[in-house]
Amino acid sequence: MTIETLLCTADDAIAAAVSAAGAAVQRPVVRVSEAEALIGRWREARVVLVGADLAVLAARWGLPSRQGVYVLADASASPAALSASVPLGAATIVLPEGGSWLADVLAGRTGSAQRTSRIAVLGGSGGVGASTLAVGLSCAGASLGATALVDLDPLGGGVDLLLGAERVPGWRWDKLRAARGQIGQLRREVPEVAGVTLVSMGRDGTTALTRDAVAAVLASLSRSSDLVVMDVGRSLDAGSREALRASDRVVVLCAQDVRGVAAARMTLAAAEATGAGVVVRMRRGGAIRASEVASALELPLLGTIPHDGALAPAAERGVPPDKAAGRRWLKACAAVLAELGAGRDRT
């Protein structure tokens, strides 16, 4: 039987706060007092709340990735307890300040972690156009619901350039590198372009993103977005790996040639990505069929993307792909998104 909310804590103060919030929104809460109890119930509950007192123990069990998980903490919580939110794939709600957020979570008013599709885009080889595809998927998603694009490529120069948004005011990663735990409504602080909420890399020379920062930003955007697209990049640093871990699906963009397939195999092995599918970038004279690329990579084929000669010069002028690309390219992006089932209500 499905549990509405599962609370795992031995801390009576946390339990009392959750009980009060649950009563206020008329939602039942089932409490367990040992971290081991999560093992058998991890998938049963719509929402899982883990007290900071048991978060470190719970993180050791290596529970599978899922959405709708939150760590509850107060100002006295240890750094280790807060950091445990990362392997749990959890956002952190700090009490009592986060009481209204907790009530929204219990009531299912979060916008929401259960409905948000998180898609990671990974280039199988350098220069294949993964960032452009990520932008294309984001623009296609914007017509279906609230969509965010997160740039995680530290050496890509900033995906805001592809959207012509380098002069649009708002926070970039340089303002978010120290983020951890709870972040408020991030959509109000970052640029929005072509209907897409954008978290882009800056160009300040600082490249490293921490797992905590990426987890916090993704949790915030997931509360207010139907779709979050992540341009992972090929550095596979801690931030990129956190994005891959938190994703529902991974889209590997592969070139239509032998070298591209070989590089994609190596990338997949290094990324250790789960839930991956391949999109093949077609080119004139390509000797390998898309189905053969998918078979060689042992991945499901999510679709193909045609070559569009207008995209490269448009990017140099800062013209977004949704304004520059031809109808075939735009339809291909929409078809990939549909194949992924992104933007559909999954509650």
C-alpha atoms as a PDB file:
ATOM      1  CA  MET A   1       0.000   0.000   0.000  1.00  0.00           C
ATOM      2  CA  THR A   2       1.301   3.450  -0.912  1.00  0.00           C
ATOM      3  CA  ILE A   3       2.360   5.613   2.015  1.00  0.00           C
ATOM      4  CA  GLU A   4       1.656   9.309   1.625  1.00  0.00           C
ATOM      5  CA  THR A   5       4.615  10.530   3.714  1.00  0.00           C
ATOM      6  CA  LEU A   6       7.292   8.479   5.467  1.00  0.00           C
ATOM      7  CA  LEU A   7       9.285  10.184   8.244  1.00  0.00           C
ATOM      8  CA  CYS A   8      12.522   8.596   9.434  1.00  0.00           C
ATOM      9  CA  THR A   9      13.816  10.202  12.635  1.00  0.00           C
ATOM     10  CA  ALA A  10      14.465   9.471  16.292  1.00  0.00           C
ATOM     11  CA  ASP A  11      14.364  13.201  17.070  1.00  0.00           C
ATOM     12  CA  ASP A  12      11.071  13.988  18.800  1.00  0.00           C
ATOM     13  CA  ALA A  13      11.348  17.713  18.023  1.00  0.00           C
ATOM     14  CA  ILE A  14      11.551  17.014  14.296  1.00  0.00           C
ATOM     15  CA  ALA A  15       8.719  14.519  14.575  1.00  0.00           C
ATOM     16  CA  ALA A  16       6.557  17.070  16.392  1.00  0.00           C
ATOM     17  CA  ALA A  17       7.194  19.692  13.699  1.00  0.00           C
ATOM     18  CA  VAL A  18       6.259  17.247  10.925  1.00  0.00           C
ATOM     19  CA  SER A  19       3.189  16.049  12.818  1.00  0.00           C
ATOM     20  CA  ALA A  20       1.981  19.628  13.240  1.00  0.00           C
ATOM     21  CA  ALA A  21       2.579  20.423   9.567  1.00  0.00           C
ATOM     22  CA  GLY A  22       0.792  17.228   8.515  1.00  0.00           C
ATOM     23  CA  ALA A  23      -2.197  18.016  10.708  1.00  0.00           C
ATOM     24  CA  ALA A  24      -2.368  21.540   9.291  1.00  0.00           C
ATOM     25  CA  VAL A  25      -2.681  20.261   5.702  1.00  0.00           C
ATOM     26  CA  GLN A  26      -4.616  17.106   6.685  1.00  0.00           C
ATOM     27  CA  ARG A  27      -2.019  14.674   5.360  1.00  0.00           C
ATOM     28  CA  PRO A  28      -1.022  11.508   7.277  1.00  0.00           C
ATOM     29  CA  VAL A  29       2.596  10.834   8.203  1.00  0.00           C
ATOM     30  CA  VAL A  30       4.070   7.419   9.028  1.00  0.00           C
ATOM     31  CA  ARG A  31       7.090   7.582  11.333  1.00  0.00           C
ATOM     32  CA  VAL A  32       9.962   5.115  11.708  1.00  0.00           C
ATOM     33  CA  SER A  33      12.782   5.635  14.191  1.00  0.00           C
ATOM     34  CA  GLU A  34      15.616   3.636  12.597  1.00  0.00           C
ATOM     35  CA  ALA A  35      17.449   4.309   9.326  1.00  0.00           C
ATOM     36  CA  GLU A  36      17.318   0.614   8.406  1.00  0.00           C
ATOM     37  CA  ALA A  37      13.529   0.855   8.146  1.00  0.00           C
ATOM     38  CA  LEU A  38      13.946   2.891   4.956  1.00  0.00           C
ATOM     39  CA  ILE A  39      15.266  -0.090   3.018  1.00  0.00           C
ATOM     40  CA  GLY A  40      11.933  -1.831   2.668  1.00  0.00           C
ATOM     41  CA  ARG A  41       9.837   1.340   2.352  1.00  0.00           C
ATOM     42  CA  TRP A  42      12.029   3.580   0.218  1.00  0.00           C
ATOM     43  CA  ARG A  43       9.839   3.229  -2.888  1.00  0.00           C
ATOM     44  CA  GLU A  44       6.485   2.982  -1.094  1.00  0.00           C
ATOM     45  CA  ALA A  45       6.037   6.611  -0.036  1.00  0.00           C
ATOM     46  CA  ARG A  46       5.165   9.628  -2.178  1.00  0.00           C
ATOM     47  CA  VAL A  47       7.437  11.730   0.066  1.00  0.00           C
ATOM     48  CA  VAL A  48      10.326  10.564   2.262  1.00  0.00           C
ATOM     49  CA  LEU A  49      11.513  12.816   5.095  1.00  0.00           C
ATOM     50  CA  VAL A  50      14.784  11.935   6.849  1.00  0.00           C
ATOM     51  CA  GLY A  51      15.809  13.671  10.049  1.00  0.00           C
ATOM     52  CA  ALA A  52      19.338  15.036  10.227  1.00  0.00           C
ATOM     53  CA  ASP A  53      19.907  12.713  13.187  1.00  0.00           C
ATOM     54  CA  LEU A  54      19.644   9.652  10.896  1.00  0.00           C
ATOM     55  CA  ALA A  55      20.667  11.107   7.529  1.00  0.00           C
ATOM     56  CA  VAL A  56      24.286   9.932   7.676  1.00  0.00           C
ATOM     57  CA  LEU A  57      23.208   6.374   8.534  1.00  0.00           C
ATOM     58  CA  ALA A  58      20.551   6.369   5.825  1.00  0.00           C
ATOM     59  CA  ALA A  59      23.062   7.562   3.229  1.00  0.00           C
ATOM     60  CA  ARG A  60      25.283   4.555   3.917  1.00  0.00           C
ATOM     61  CA  TRP A  61      22.689   2.127   2.610  1.00  0.00           C
ATOM     62  CA  GLY A  62      23.214   3.231  -1.002  1.00  0.00           C
ATOM     63  CA  LEU A  63      19.501   3.514  -1.657  1.00  0.00           C
ATOM     64  CA  PRO A  64      18.497   3.928  -5.325  1.00  0.00           C
ATOM     65  CA  SER A  65      17.895   7.398  -6.735  1.00  0.00           C
ATOM     66  CA  ARG A  66      14.343   8.715  -6.445  1.00  0.00           C
ATOM     67  CA  GLN A  67      12.582  12.028  -6.181  1.00  0.00           C
ATOM     68  CA  GLY A  68      10.555  13.467  -3.326  1.00  0.00           C
ATOM     69  CA  VAL A  69      13.251  13.005  -0.633  1.00  0.00           C
ATOM     70  CA  TYR A  70      14.021  15.717   1.946  1.00  0.00           C
ATOM     71  CA  VAL A  71      16.433  15.972   4.867  1.00  0.00           C
ATOM     72  CA  LEU A  72      15.001  17.868   7.860  1.00  0.00           C
ATOM     73  CA  ALA A  73      17.500  19.806   9.947  1.00  0.00           C
ATOM     74  CA  ASP A  74      17.744  22.691  12.367  1.00  0.00           C
ATOM     75  CA  ALA A  75      20.516  25.207  12.955  1.00  0.00           C
ATOM     76  CA  SER A  76      22.427  22.734  15.150  1.00  0.00           C
ATOM     77  CA  ALA A  77      22.716  20.051  12.452  1.00  0.00           C
ATOM     78  CA  SER A  78      26.267  18.914  11.717  1.00  0.00           C
ATOM     79  CA  PRO A  79      27.933  19.501   8.321  1.00  0.00           C
ATOM     80  CA  ALA A  80      28.093  15.715   7.870  1.00  0.00           C
ATOM     81  CA  ALA A  81      24.330  15.430   8.307  1.00  0.00           C
ATOM     82  CA  LEU A  82      23.696  18.197   5.779  1.00  0.00           C
ATOM     83  CA  SER A  83      26.142  16.663   3.302  1.00  0.00           C
ATOM     84  CA  ALA A  84      24.241  13.363   3.544  1.00  0.00           C
ATOM     85  CA  SER A  85      21.511  14.995   1.488  1.00  0.00           C
ATOM     86  CA  VAL A  86      23.702  14.512  -1.612  1.00  0.00           C
ATOM     87  CA  PRO A  87      23.886  10.676  -1.712  1.00  0.00           C
ATOM     88  CA  LEU A  88      20.220  10.573  -0.676  1.00  0.00           C
ATOM     89  CA  GLY A  89      19.310  12.824  -3.606  1.00  0.00           C
ATOM     90  CA  ALA A  90      17.508  15.068  -1.133  1.00  0.00           C
ATOM     91  CA  ALA A  91      16.778  18.738  -0.704  1.00  0.00           C
ATOM     92  CA  THR A  92      17.345  20.065   2.816  1.00  0.00           C
ATOM     93  CA  ILE A  93      14.554  21.815   4.710  1.00  0.00           C
ATOM     94  CA  VAL A  94      15.863  23.840   7.643  1.00  0.00           C
ATOM     95  CA  LEU A  95      13.401  24.164  10.505  1.00  0.00           C
ATOM     96  CA  PRO A  96      11.680  26.231  11.725  1.00  0.00           C
ATOM     97  CA  GLU A  97      12.411  28.641   8.819  1.00  0.00           C
ATOM     98  CA  GLY A  98      11.371  26.066   6.229  1.00  0.00           C
ATOM     99  CA  GLY A  99       8.028  25.290   7.886  1.00  0.00           C
ATOM    100  CA  SER A 100       5.956  26.660   5.011  1.00  0.00           C
ATOM    101  CA  TRP A 101       8.012  24.674   2.488  1.00  0.00           C
ATOM    102  CA  LEU A 102       7.506  21.532   4.599  1.00  0.00           C
ATOM    103  CA  ALA A 103       3.756  22.114   4.604  1.00  0.00           C
ATOM    104  CA  ASP A 104       3.799  22.528   0.815  1.00  0.00           C
ATOM    105  CA  VAL A 105       5.747  19.271   0.450  1.00  0.00           C
ATOM    106  CA  LEU A 106       3.268  17.373   2.615  1.00  0.00           C
ATOM    107  CA  ALA A 107       0.315  18.872   0.747  1.00  0.00           C
ATOM    108  CA  GLY A 108       1.825  18.123  -2.678  1.00  0.00           C
ATOM    109  CA  ARG A 109       2.019  21.811  -3.556  1.00  0.00           C
ATOM    110  CA  THR A 110       5.723  21.905  -4.444  1.00  0.00           C
ATOM    111  CA  GLY A 111       5.399  22.298  -8.211  1.00  0.00           C
ATOM    112  CA  SER A 112       6.874  19.487  -7.964  1.00  0.00           C
ATOM    113  CA  ALA A 113       9.481  16.876  -7.344  1.00  0.00           C
ATOM    114  CA  GLN A 114       7.122  14.076  -8.386  1.00  0.00           C
ATOM    115  CA  ARG A 115       6.210  15.622 -11.748  1.00  0.00           C
ATOM    116  CA  THR A 116       9.505  17.125 -12.811  1.00  0.00           C
ATOM    117  CA  SER A 117      11.387  15.353 -15.587  1.00  0.00           C
ATOM    118  CA  ARG A 118      15.160  15.744 -15.260  1.00  0.00           C
ATOM    119  CA  ILE A 119      17.011  15.051 -18.499  1.00  0.00           C
ATOM    120  CA  ALA A 120      20.824  15.030 -18.717  1.00  0.00           C
ATOM    121  CA  VAL A 121      22.388  15.619 -22.150  1.00  0.00           C
ATOM    122  CA  LEU A 122      25.856  14.150 -22.665  1.00  0.00           C
ATOM    123  CA  GLY A 123      28.012  14.480 -25.761  1.00  0.00           C
ATOM    124  CA  GLY A 124      29.404  11.158 -26.918  1.00  0.00           C
ATOM    125  CA  SER A 125      32.370  13.008 -28.395  1.00  0.00           C
ATOM    126  CA  GLY A 126      33.669  16.547 -28.474  1.00  0.00           C
ATOM    127  CA  GLY A 127      32.026  19.001 -30.843  1.00  0.00           C
ATOM    128  CA  VAL A 128      29.013  16.805 -31.581  1.00  0.00           C
ATOM    129  CA  GLY A 129      26.572  19.551 -30.553  1.00  0.00           C
ATOM    130  CA  ALA A 130      25.342  18.399 -27.141  1.00  0.00           C
ATOM    131  CA  SER A 131      24.887  21.946 -25.835  1.00  0.00           C
ATOM    132  CA  THR A 132      22.872  22.909 -28.899  1.00  0.00           C
ATOM    133  CA  LEU A 133      20.677  19.827 -28.423  1.00  0.00           C
ATOM    134  CA  ALA A 134      20.186  20.706 -24.741  1.00  0.00           C
ATOM    135  CA  VAL A 135      19.022  24.177 -25.774  1.00  0.00           C
ATOM    136  CA  GLY A 136      16.750  22.667 -28.430  1.00  0.00           C
ATOM    137  CA  LEU A 137      15.136  20.279 -25.946  1.00  0.00           C
ATOM    138  CA  SER A 138      14.659  23.165 -23.503  1.00  0.00           C
ATOM    139  CA  CYS A 139      12.980  25.357 -26.115  1.00  0.00           C
ATOM    140  CA  ALA A 140      10.731  22.454 -27.113  1.00  0.00           C
ATOM    141  CA  GLY A 141       9.873  21.861 -23.473  1.00  0.00           C
ATOM    142  CA  ALA A 142       8.992  25.508 -22.871  1.00  0.00           C
ATOM    143  CA  SER A 143       5.913  25.091 -25.057  1.00  0.00           C
ATOM    144  CA  LEU A 144       4.698  22.281 -22.780  1.00  0.00           C
ATOM    145  CA  GLY A 145       5.320  23.715 -19.324  1.00  0.00           C
ATOM    146  CA  ALA A 146       7.782  25.438 -17.009  1.00  0.00           C
ATOM    147  CA  THR A 147      11.272  24.516 -18.223  1.00  0.00           C
ATOM    148  CA  ALA A 148      14.774  25.121 -16.870  1.00  0.00           C
ATOM    149  CA  LEU A 149      18.182  24.616 -18.502  1.00  0.00           C
ATOM    150  CA  VAL A 150      21.225  24.024 -16.290  1.00  0.00           C
ATOM    151  CA  ASP A 151      24.701  24.458 -17.775  1.00  0.00           C
ATOM    152  CA  LEU A 152      27.212  22.106 -16.128  1.00  0.00           C
ATOM    153  CA  ASP A 153      29.985  22.306 -18.722  1.00  0.00           C
ATOM    154  CA  PRO A 154      32.834  24.199 -17.011  1.00  0.00           C
ATOM    155  CA  LEU A 155      34.771  24.581 -20.263  1.00  0.00           C
ATOM    156  CA  GLY A 156      31.883  25.343 -22.602  1.00  0.00           C
ATOM    157  CA  GLY A 157      32.030  29.127 -22.350  1.00  0.00           C
ATOM    158  CA  GLY A 158      28.461  29.465 -21.066  1.00  0.00           C
ATOM    159  CA  VAL A 159      25.334  28.098 -22.718  1.00  0.00           C
ATOM    160  CA  ASP A 160      23.737  31.549 -22.374  1.00  0.00           C
ATOM    161  CA  LEU A 161      25.712  32.489 -25.506  1.00  0.00           C
ATOM    162  CA  LEU A 162      23.690  29.969 -27.530  1.00  0.00           C
ATOM    163  CA  LEU A 163      20.512  31.675 -26.384  1.00  0.00           C
ATOM    164  CA  GLY A 164      21.804  35.189 -26.983  1.00  0.00           C
ATOM    165  CA  ALA A 165      21.421  35.766 -23.249  1.00  0.00           C
ATOM    166  CA  GLU A 166      24.922  36.785 -22.199  1.00  0.00           C
ATOM    167  CA  ARG A 167      23.693  40.324 -21.430  1.00  0.00           C
ATOM    168  CA  VAL A 168      20.462  39.265 -19.716  1.00  0.00           C
ATOM    169  CA  PRO A 169      20.771  40.131 -16.010  1.00  0.00           C
ATOM    170  CA  GLY A 170      20.563  37.413 -13.398  1.00  0.00           C
ATOM    171  CA  TRP A 171      22.695  35.016 -11.423  1.00  0.00           C
ATOM    172  CA  ARG A 172      25.124  32.612 -13.055  1.00  0.00           C
ATOM    173  CA  TRP A 173      27.009  29.809 -11.357  1.00  0.00           C
ATOM    174  CA  ASP A 174      29.474  32.315  -9.893  1.00  0.00           C
ATOM    175  CA  LYS A 175      26.694  33.314  -7.464  1.00  0.00           C
ATOM    176  CA  LEU A 176      25.674  29.730  -6.726  1.00  0.00           C
ATOM    177  CA  ARG A 177      28.924  27.824  -6.242  1.00  0.00           C
ATOM    178  CA  ALA A 178      28.590  27.906  -2.452  1.00  0.00           C
ATOM    179  CA  ALA A 179      24.929  26.798  -2.484  1.00  0.00           C
ATOM    180  CA  ARG A 180      23.905  23.859  -0.342  1.00  0.00           C
ATOM    181  CA  GLY A 181      20.757  22.537   1.241  1.00  0.00           C
ATOM    182  CA  GLN A 182      17.693  24.713   0.862  1.00  0.00           C
ATOM    183  CA  ILE A 183      17.485  27.406  -1.830  1.00  0.00           C
ATOM    184  CA  GLY A 184      14.354  29.472  -2.245  1.00  0.00           C
ATOM    185  CA  GLN A 185      12.663  30.284  -5.546  1.00  0.00           C
ATOM    186  CA  LEU A 186      15.717  30.386  -7.787  1.00  0.00           C
ATOM    187  CA  ARG A 187      13.626  31.205 -10.855  1.00  0.00           C
ATOM    188  CA  ARG A 188      13.300  34.782  -9.588  1.00  0.00           C
ATOM    189  CA  GLU A 189      17.072  35.287  -9.533  1.00  0.00           C
ATOM    190  CA  VAL A 190      18.360  33.747 -12.782  1.00  0.00           C
ATOM    191  CA  PRO A 191      17.776  34.780 -16.419  1.00  0.00           C
ATOM    192  CA  GLU A 192      14.740  33.652 -18.386  1.00  0.00           C
ATOM    193  CA  VAL A 193      15.121  33.500 -22.153  1.00  0.00           C
ATOM    194  CA  ALA A 194      12.695  32.115 -24.763  1.00  0.00           C
ATOM    195  CA  GLY A 195      10.531  30.853 -21.916  1.00  0.00           C
ATOM    196  CA  VAL A 196      13.456  28.898 -20.413  1.00  0.00           C
ATOM    197  CA  THR A 197      14.824  29.518 -16.919  1.00  0.00           C
ATOM    198  CA  LEU A 198      18.602  29.445 -17.317  1.00  0.00           C
ATOM    199  CA  VAL A 199      21.471  28.665 -14.947  1.00  0.00           C
ATOM    200  CA  SER A 200      24.584  29.223 -17.023  1.00  0.00           C
ATOM    201  CA  MET A 201      28.299  29.024 -16.452  1.00  0.00           C
ATOM    202  CA  GLY A 202      29.981  32.376 -16.100  1.00  0.00           C
ATOM    203  CA  ARG A 203      33.215  33.356 -17.741  1.00  0.00           C
ATOM    204  CA  ASP A 204      35.149  34.303 -14.616  1.00  0.00           C
ATOM    205  CA  GLY A 205      37.788  31.576 -14.848  1.00  0.00           C
ATOM    206  CA  THR A 206      36.412  29.518 -11.950  1.00  0.00           C
ATOM    207  CA  THR A 207      35.311  26.119 -13.190  1.00  0.00           C
ATOM    208  CA  ALA A 208      34.661  23.624 -10.379  1.00  0.00           C
ATOM    209  CA  LEU A 209      31.108  22.884  -9.233  1.00  0.00           C
ATOM    210  CA  THR A 210      30.498  20.868  -6.088  1.00  0.00           C
ATOM    211  CA  ARG A 211      27.967  18.084  -5.721  1.00  0.00           C
ATOM    212  CA  ASP A 212      26.237  20.056  -2.951  1.00  0.00           C
ATOM    213  CA  ALA A 213      25.784  23.127  -5.149  1.00  0.00           C
ATOM    214  CA  VAL A 214      24.411  21.150  -8.082  1.00  0.00           C
ATOM    215  CA  ALA A 215      22.058  19.163  -5.843  1.00  0.00           C
ATOM    216  CA  ALA A 216      20.732  22.353  -4.224  1.00  0.00           C
ATOM    217  CA  VAL A 217      20.153  24.117  -7.555  1.00  0.00           C
ATOM    218  CA  LEU A 218      18.437  21.091  -9.117  1.00  0.00           C
ATOM    219  CA  ALA A 219      16.198  20.681  -6.068  1.00  0.00           C
ATOM    220  CA  SER A 220      15.130  24.319  -6.228  1.00  0.00           C
ATOM    221  CA  LEU A 221      14.406  24.249  -9.961  1.00  0.00           C
ATOM    222  CA  SER A 222      12.534  20.957  -9.656  1.00  0.00           C
ATOM    223  CA  ARG A 223      10.084  22.531  -7.237  1.00  0.00           C
ATOM    224  CA  SER A 224       9.007  25.074  -9.845  1.00  0.00           C
ATOM    225  CA  SER A 225       9.598  23.315 -13.194  1.00  0.00           C
ATOM    226  CA  ASP A 226       7.955  20.568 -15.198  1.00  0.00           C
ATOM    227  CA  LEU A 227      11.200  19.887 -17.073  1.00  0.00           C
ATOM    228  CA  VAL A 228      14.857  20.435 -16.138  1.00  0.00           C
ATOM    229  CA  VAL A 229      17.404  19.867 -18.917  1.00  0.00           C
ATOM    230  CA  MET A 230      21.052  19.541 -17.884  1.00  0.00           C
ATOM    231  CA  ASP A 231      23.938  20.177 -20.269  1.00  0.00           C
ATOM    232  CA  VAL A 232      26.401  17.889 -18.500  1.00  0.00           C
ATOM    233  CA  GLY A 233      29.558  18.536 -20.521  1.00  0.00           C
ATOM    234  CA  ARG A 234      32.404  16.069 -20.845  1.00  0.00           C
ATOM    235  CA  SER A 235      34.533  16.970 -17.827  1.00  0.00           C
ATOM    236  CA  LEU A 236      32.649  14.443 -15.652  1.00  0.00           C
ATOM    237  CA  ASP A 237      33.639  16.377 -12.553  1.00  0.00           C
ATOM    238  CA  ALA A 238      31.770  16.147  -9.244  1.00  0.00           C
ATOM    239  CA  GLY A 239      29.022  18.520 -10.349  1.00  0.00           C
ATOM    240  CA  SER A 240      28.447  16.699 -13.629  1.00  0.00           C
ATOM    241  CA  ARG A 241      28.304  13.328 -11.899  1.00  0.00           C
ATOM    242  CA  GLU A 242      25.736  14.656  -9.445  1.00  0.00           C
ATOM    243  CA  ALA A 243      23.595  15.803 -12.386  1.00  0.00           C
ATOM    244  CA  LEU A 244      23.872  12.365 -13.997  1.00  0.00           C
ATOM    245  CA  ARG A 245      22.953  10.694 -10.720  1.00  0.00           C
ATOM    246  CA  ALA A 246      19.940  12.969 -10.227  1.00  0.00           C
ATOM    247  CA  SER A 247      18.627  12.615 -13.790  1.00  0.00           C
ATOM    248  CA  ASP A 248      15.652  10.506 -14.799  1.00  0.00           C
ATOM    249  CA  ARG A 249      17.099   9.871 -18.261  1.00  0.00           C
ATOM    250  CA  VAL A 250      20.442  10.490 -19.922  1.00  0.00           C
ATOM    251  CA  VAL A 251      20.515  11.478 -23.598  1.00  0.00           C
ATOM    252  CA  VAL A 252      23.813  10.578 -25.287  1.00  0.00           C
ATOM    253  CA  LEU A 253      24.324  12.469 -28.538  1.00  0.00           C
ATOM    254  CA  CYS A 254      26.459  10.398 -30.907  1.00  0.00           C
ATOM    255  CA  ALA A 255      27.970  11.263 -34.270  1.00  0.00           C
ATOM    256  CA  GLN A 256      27.039   9.097 -37.258  1.00  0.00           C
ATOM    257  CA  ASP A 257      30.489   7.591 -37.795  1.00  0.00           C
ATOM    258  CA  VAL A 258      32.772   4.888 -36.444  1.00  0.00           C
ATOM    259  CA  ARG A 259      34.982   7.263 -34.477  1.00  0.00           C
ATOM    260  CA  GLY A 260      31.940   8.891 -32.900  1.00  0.00           C
ATOM    261  CA  VAL A 261      30.620   5.498 -31.784  1.00  0.00           C
ATOM    262  CA  ALA A 262      34.008   4.546 -30.325  1.00  0.00           C
ATOM    263  CA  ALA A 263      34.210   7.821 -28.410  1.00  0.00           C
ATOM    264  CA  ALA A 264      30.642   7.439 -27.146  1.00  0.00           C
ATOM    265  CA  ARG A 265      31.464   3.985 -25.796  1.00  0.00           C
ATOM    266  CA  MET A 266      34.369   5.413 -23.827  1.00  0.00           C
ATOM    267  CA  THR A 267      32.269   8.327 -22.578  1.00  0.00           C
ATOM    268  CA  LEU A 268      29.493   6.020 -21.378  1.00  0.00           C
ATOM    269  CA  ALA A 269      31.980   3.817 -19.546  1.00  0.00           C
ATOM    270  CA  ALA A 270      33.544   6.830 -17.828  1.00  0.00           C
ATOM    271  CA  ALA A 271      30.205   8.444 -16.967  1.00  0.00           C
ATOM    272  CA  GLU A 272      28.670   5.237 -15.557  1.00  0.00           C
ATOM    273  CA  ALA A 273      25.318   6.666 -16.656  1.00  0.00           C
ATOM    274  CA  THR A 274      22.096   4.772 -15.994  1.00  0.00           C
ATOM    275  CA  GLY A 275      18.817   5.178 -17.867  1.00  0.00           C
ATOM    276  CA  ALA A 276      20.657   6.278 -21.003  1.00  0.00           C
ATOM    277  CA  GLY A 277      19.413   6.385 -24.576  1.00  0.00           C
ATOM    278  CA  VAL A 278      21.108   7.595 -27.742  1.00  0.00           C
ATOM    279  CA  VAL A 279      20.243  10.359 -30.182  1.00  0.00           C
ATOM    280  CA  VAL A 280      22.181  10.186 -33.446  1.00  0.00           C
ATOM    281  CA  ARG A 281      23.352  13.374 -35.112  1.00  0.00           C
ATOM    282  CA  MET A 282      22.912  12.733 -38.809  1.00  0.00           C
ATOM    283  CA  ARG A 283      25.213  14.068 -41.507  1.00  0.00           C
ATOM    284  CA  ARG A 284      25.363  13.917 -45.261  1.00  0.00           C
ATOM    285  CA  GLY A 285      27.190  10.842 -46.418  1.00  0.00           C
ATOM    286  CA  GLY A 286      27.004   9.154 -43.030  1.00  0.00           C
ATOM    287  CA  ALA A 287      27.783   5.490 -43.552  1.00  0.00           C
ATOM    288  CA  ILE A 288      26.215   4.109 -40.364  1.00  0.00           C
ATOM    289  CA  ARG A 289      22.468   3.872 -39.890  1.00  0.00           C
ATOM    290  CA  ALA A 290      21.029   5.286 -36.666  1.00  0.00           C
ATOM    291  CA  SER A 291      19.769   1.840 -35.661  1.00  0.00           C
ATOM    292  CA  GLU A 292      23.303   0.477 -36.068  1.00  0.00           C
ATOM    293  CA  VAL A 293      24.708   3.216 -33.829  1.00  0.00           C
ATOM    294  CA  ALA A 294      22.180   2.329 -31.129  1.00  0.00           C
ATOM    295  CA  SER A 295      22.953  -1.374 -31.487  1.00  0.00           C
ATOM    296  CA  ALA A 296      26.705  -0.766 -31.227  1.00  0.00           C
ATOM    297  CA  LEU A 297      26.203   1.247 -28.039  1.00  0.00           C
ATOM    298  CA  GLU A 298      23.594  -1.202 -26.694  1.00  0.00           C
ATOM    299  CA  LEU A 299      21.246   1.706 -25.994  1.00  0.00           C
ATOM    300  CA  PRO A 300      17.661   2.437 -27.026  1.00  0.00           C
ATOM    301  CA  LEU A 301      17.400   4.836 -29.953  1.00  0.00           C
ATOM    302  CA  LEU A 302      15.590   7.998 -28.846  1.00  0.00           C
ATOM    303  CA  GLY A 303      15.664   9.680 -32.249  1.00  0.00           C
ATOM    304  CA  THR A 304      17.846  11.431 -34.764  1.00  0.00           C
ATOM    305  CA  ILE A 305      18.839  15.066 -35.210  1.00  0.00           C
ATOM    306  CA  PRO A 306      19.382  16.315 -38.773  1.00  0.00           C
ATOM    307  CA  HIS A 307      22.243  18.559 -39.776  1.00  0.00           C
ATOM    308  CA  ASP A 308      21.137  22.207 -39.925  1.00  0.00           C
ATOM    309  CA  GLY A 309      23.654  24.557 -41.503  1.00  0.00           C
ATOM    310  CA  ALA A 310      21.941  27.611 -40.029  1.00  0.00           C
ATOM    311  CA  LEU A 311      22.745  26.744 -36.409  1.00  0.00           C
ATOM    312  CA  ALA A 312      26.499  27.438 -36.295  1.00  0.00           C
ATOM    313  CA  PRO A 313      26.353  30.958 -37.792  1.00  0.00           C
ATOM    314  CA  ALA A 314      23.256  31.721 -35.696  1.00  0.00           C
ATOM    315  CA  ALA A 315      25.152  30.801 -32.531  1.00  0.00           C
ATOM    316  CA  GLU A 316      27.911  33.235 -33.503  1.00  0.00           C
ATOM    317  CA  ARG A 317      25.288  35.986 -33.719  1.00  0.00           C
ATOM    318  CA  GLY A 318      23.600  34.959 -30.468  1.00  0.00           C
ATOM    319  CA  VAL A 319      20.390  33.866 -32.217  1.00  0.00           C
ATOM    320  CA  PRO A 320      18.679  31.040 -30.262  1.00  0.00           C
ATOM    321  CA  PRO A 321      18.179  27.718 -32.079  1.00  0.00           C
ATOM    322  CA  ASP A 322      14.394  28.007 -31.844  1.00  0.00           C
ATOM    323  CA  LYS A 323      14.632  31.169 -33.977  1.00  0.00           C
ATOM    324  CA  ALA A 324      17.332  30.031 -36.397  1.00  0.00           C
ATOM    325  CA  ALA A 325      16.803  26.324 -37.037  1.00  0.00           C
ATOM    326  CA  GLY A 326      14.668  24.873 -39.768  1.00  0.00           C
ATOM    327  CA  ARG A 327      11.423  23.054 -39.135  1.00  0.00           C
ATOM    328  CA  ARG A 328      13.008  19.578 -39.432  1.00  0.00           C
ATOM    329  CA  TRP A 329      15.512  20.261 -36.661  1.00  0.00           C
ATOM    330  CA  LEU A 330      12.878  21.727 -34.342  1.00  0.00           C
ATOM    331  CA  LYS A 331      10.510  18.817 -34.976  1.00  0.00           C
ATOM    332  CA  ALA A 332      13.344  16.368 -34.262  1.00  0.00           C
ATOM    333  CA  CYS A 333      13.986  17.981 -30.844  1.00  0.00           C
ATOM    334  CA  ALA A 334      10.282  17.823 -30.018  1.00  0.00           C
ATOM    335  CA  ALA A 335      10.184  14.169 -31.099  1.00  0.00           C
ATOM    336  CA  VAL A 336      13.101  13.272 -28.801  1.00  0.00           C
ATOM    337  CA  LEU A 337      11.375  15.028 -25.911  1.00  0.00           C
ATOM    338  CA  ALA A 338       8.165  13.107 -26.625  1.00  0.00           C
ATOM    339  CA  GLU A 339      10.099   9.826 -26.780  1.00  0.00           C
ATOM    340  CA  LEU A 340      11.514  10.607 -23.341  1.00  0.00           C
ATOM    341  CA  GLY A 341       8.028  11.276 -21.977  1.00  0.00           C
ATOM    342  CA  ALA A 342       9.297  14.579 -20.570  1.00  0.00           C
ATOM    343  CA  GLY A 343       6.802  17.094 -19.266  1.00  0.00           C
ATOM    344  CA  ARG A 344       4.077  14.515 -18.638  1.00  0.00           C
ATOM    345  CA  ASP A 345       2.410  14.496 -15.250  1.00  0.00           C
ATOM    346  CA  ARG A 346       3.919  11.553 -13.410  1.00  0.00           C
ATOM    347  CA  THR A 347       1.982  11.878 -10.175  1.00  0.00           C
END
